[in-house]
């Protein structure tokens, strides 16, 4: 799976988690996520791709758990800020494994899914946000696991190389 897709999935789930906190904390969370992403770009030290993708998937799972069990974020909304920073760092790292680290800047637009998610939550439709999070998590787990689990000619070098 490509780094930009993984970063987009992670940032979408971060935005869904931020939709469960107050407006001020959500705006601060988006700013923290974007700042962490840009700071990671400036550092430009990328570990091995396998570790980066594993960190991205782990962050996505932890963030999705905050969407499913949002009582913790609603009780302690300031915890959304480190969660957003974590998402920004991993998004930048995973994009940097496959190209220029600055390729993550257009992907930051994914954070704007907080607007429809916040609208759904304000109307009492939090289940819709959780269902979409489940879909994103399923896509991430499938795409992350298929290259490791299934061995067929599409994933291994063949005789033509």
Protein backbone atom coordinates (compact mmCIF):
# COMPACT_ATOMS: atom_id res chain seq x y z
CA UNK A 1 0.00 0.00 0.00
CA UNK A 2 1.22 3.47 -0.76
CA UNK A 3 2.33 5.85 1.89
CA UNK A 4 -0.10 8.61 0.87
CA UNK A 5 -3.08 6.28 1.22
CA UNK A 6 -1.93 5.11 4.65
CA UNK A 7 -1.42 8.73 5.73
CA UNK A 8 -4.87 9.67 4.46
CA UNK A 9 -6.51 6.83 6.37
CA UNK A 10 -4.69 7.81 9.56
CA UNK A 11 -5.50 11.50 9.25
CA UNK A 12 -9.18 10.75 8.56
CA UNK A 13 -9.41 8.69 11.74
CA UNK A 14 -7.62 11.45 13.67
CA UNK A 15 -10.21 13.94 12.37
CA UNK A 16 -13.03 11.60 13.44
CA UNK A 17 -11.55 11.37 16.94
CA UNK A 18 -11.21 15.15 17.12
CA UNK A 19 -14.88 15.51 16.19
CA UNK A 20 -15.85 14.07 19.59
CA UNK A 21 -14.19 16.88 21.58
CA UNK A 22 -15.15 20.54 21.83
CA UNK A 23 -14.69 22.95 18.96
CA UNK A 24 -11.69 24.76 20.50
CA UNK A 25 -9.82 21.56 21.28
CA UNK A 26 -10.68 20.19 17.83
CA UNK A 27 -9.25 23.27 16.10
CA UNK A 28 -6.18 23.10 18.33
CA UNK A 29 -5.88 19.38 17.51
CA UNK A 30 -5.93 20.05 13.78
CA UNK A 31 -3.28 22.73 14.24
CA UNK A 32 -1.15 20.38 16.37
CA UNK A 33 -1.50 17.59 13.80
CA UNK A 34 -0.48 19.86 10.92
CA UNK A 35 2.40 21.32 12.93
CA UNK A 36 3.67 17.87 13.88
CA UNK A 37 3.46 16.83 10.25
CA UNK A 38 5.43 19.85 9.06
CA UNK A 39 8.00 19.48 11.87
CA UNK A 40 8.53 15.85 10.88
CA UNK A 41 9.07 16.94 7.27
CA UNK A 42 11.74 19.39 8.41
CA UNK A 43 13.57 16.75 10.45
CA UNK A 44 13.70 14.34 7.48
CA UNK A 45 14.97 11.27 9.32
CA UNK A 46 12.99 8.31 8.11
CA UNK A 47 13.42 4.92 9.78
CA UNK A 48 13.02 1.66 7.89
CA UNK A 49 9.71 1.47 5.98
CA UNK A 50 8.54 -1.64 7.82
CA UNK A 51 8.76 0.16 11.17
CA UNK A 52 7.09 3.24 9.80
CA UNK A 53 4.12 1.34 8.40
CA UNK A 54 3.81 -0.69 11.61
CA UNK A 55 3.78 2.54 13.62
CA UNK A 56 1.19 4.02 11.27
CA UNK A 57 -1.10 0.98 11.62
CA UNK A 58 -0.69 0.92 15.40
CA UNK A 59 -1.52 4.63 15.58
CA UNK A 60 -4.55 4.10 13.39
CA UNK A 61 -5.82 1.32 15.65
CA UNK A 62 -5.28 3.33 18.84
CA UNK A 63 -6.97 6.37 17.32
CA UNK A 64 -9.89 4.27 16.08
CA UNK A 65 -10.34 2.97 19.62
CA UNK A 66 -10.73 6.59 20.75
CA UNK A 67 -13.53 6.98 18.22
CA UNK A 68 -15.30 3.83 19.42
CA UNK A 69 -14.84 4.63 23.10
CA UNK A 70 -15.11 8.40 22.98
CA UNK A 71 -16.00 8.83 26.66
CA UNK A 72 -12.31 9.20 27.51
CA UNK A 73 -11.83 12.04 25.03
CA UNK A 74 -15.02 13.69 26.16
CA UNK A 75 -13.97 13.51 29.81
CA UNK A 76 -10.33 14.57 29.19
CA UNK A 77 -10.40 16.50 25.89
CA UNK A 78 -6.79 17.66 26.22
CA UNK A 79 -5.72 14.07 25.44
CA UNK A 80 -6.79 14.70 21.86
CA UNK A 81 -3.75 16.94 21.35
CA UNK A 82 -1.07 14.23 21.78
CA UNK A 83 -3.26 11.91 19.72
CA UNK A 84 -3.32 14.47 16.91
CA UNK A 85 0.44 15.06 17.15
CA UNK A 86 1.04 11.32 16.94
CA UNK A 87 -1.10 11.08 13.82
CA UNK A 88 0.73 13.96 12.16
CA UNK A 89 4.15 12.46 12.82
CA UNK A 90 3.26 9.00 11.51
CA UNK A 91 1.48 10.43 8.47
CA UNK A 92 4.56 12.41 7.48
CA UNK A 93 6.89 9.46 8.09
CA UNK A 94 4.83 7.01 6.08
CA UNK A 95 4.63 9.39 3.11
CA UNK A 96 8.39 10.03 3.29
CA UNK A 97 9.14 6.32 2.84
CA UNK A 98 7.93 6.42 -0.77
CA UNK A 99 8.86 9.87 -1.98
CA UNK A 100 9.36 13.42 -0.91
CA UNK A 101 8.20 14.20 2.60
CA UNK A 102 6.45 17.31 1.30
CA UNK A 103 3.95 15.06 -0.50
CA UNK A 104 2.06 14.90 2.80
CA UNK A 105 0.97 18.56 2.58
CA UNK A 106 -1.99 17.92 0.20
CA UNK A 107 -2.99 14.94 2.33
CA UNK A 108 -3.50 17.28 5.30
CA UNK A 109 -6.76 18.29 3.58
CA UNK A 110 -8.10 14.96 4.83
CA UNK A 111 -8.41 16.58 8.25
CA UNK A 112 -11.39 18.54 6.93
CA UNK A 113 -13.56 15.42 7.25
CA UNK A 114 -13.96 16.72 10.80
CA UNK A 115 -16.70 19.03 9.47
CA UNK A 116 -19.20 16.35 8.39
CA UNK A 117 -18.17 14.15 11.32
CA UNK A 118 -18.80 16.98 13.78
CA UNK A 119 -22.16 17.67 12.15
CA UNK A 120 -23.14 14.01 12.51
CA UNK A 121 -22.10 13.96 16.16
CA UNK A 122 -23.95 17.22 16.90
CA UNK A 123 -27.14 15.71 15.47
CA UNK A 124 -26.74 12.55 17.52
CA UNK A 125 -25.53 10.37 14.67
CA UNK A 126 -22.23 9.33 16.24
CA UNK A 127 -22.85 5.79 15.05
CA UNK A 128 -22.30 6.94 11.45
CA UNK A 129 -18.83 8.23 12.34
CA UNK A 130 -18.02 4.96 14.08
CA UNK A 131 -19.20 2.91 11.09
CA UNK A 132 -17.04 4.91 8.68
CA UNK A 133 -14.12 4.49 11.09
CA UNK A 134 -14.72 0.73 10.99
CA UNK A 135 -14.55 0.81 7.20
CA UNK A 136 -11.31 2.77 7.25
CA UNK A 137 -9.84 0.39 9.81
CA UNK A 138 -10.89 -2.64 7.76
CA UNK A 139 -9.33 -1.20 4.61
CA UNK A 140 -6.11 -0.41 6.47
CA UNK A 141 -5.87 -3.87 8.00
CA UNK A 142 -6.62 -5.66 4.74
CA UNK A 143 -4.25 -3.64 2.61
CA UNK A 144 -1.55 -3.79 5.26
CA UNK A 145 -1.85 -7.56 5.71
CA UNK A 146 -2.35 -8.81 2.15
CA UNK A 147 1.23 -8.26 0.95
CA UNK A 148 2.50 -10.15 3.99
CA UNK A 149 0.01 -13.04 4.03
CA UNK A 150 -0.72 -13.83 0.39
CA UNK A 151 2.09 -14.91 -1.88
CA UNK A 152 1.22 -14.89 -5.56
CA UNK A 153 2.86 -13.55 -8.71
CA UNK A 154 1.55 -10.04 -8.17
CA UNK A 155 3.51 -9.61 -4.94
CA UNK A 156 6.75 -11.51 -5.60
CA UNK A 157 9.36 -11.08 -8.32
CA UNK A 158 8.86 -13.42 -11.24
CA UNK A 159 10.99 -14.84 -14.03
CA UNK A 160 10.85 -11.68 -16.17
CA UNK A 161 13.15 -9.66 -13.96
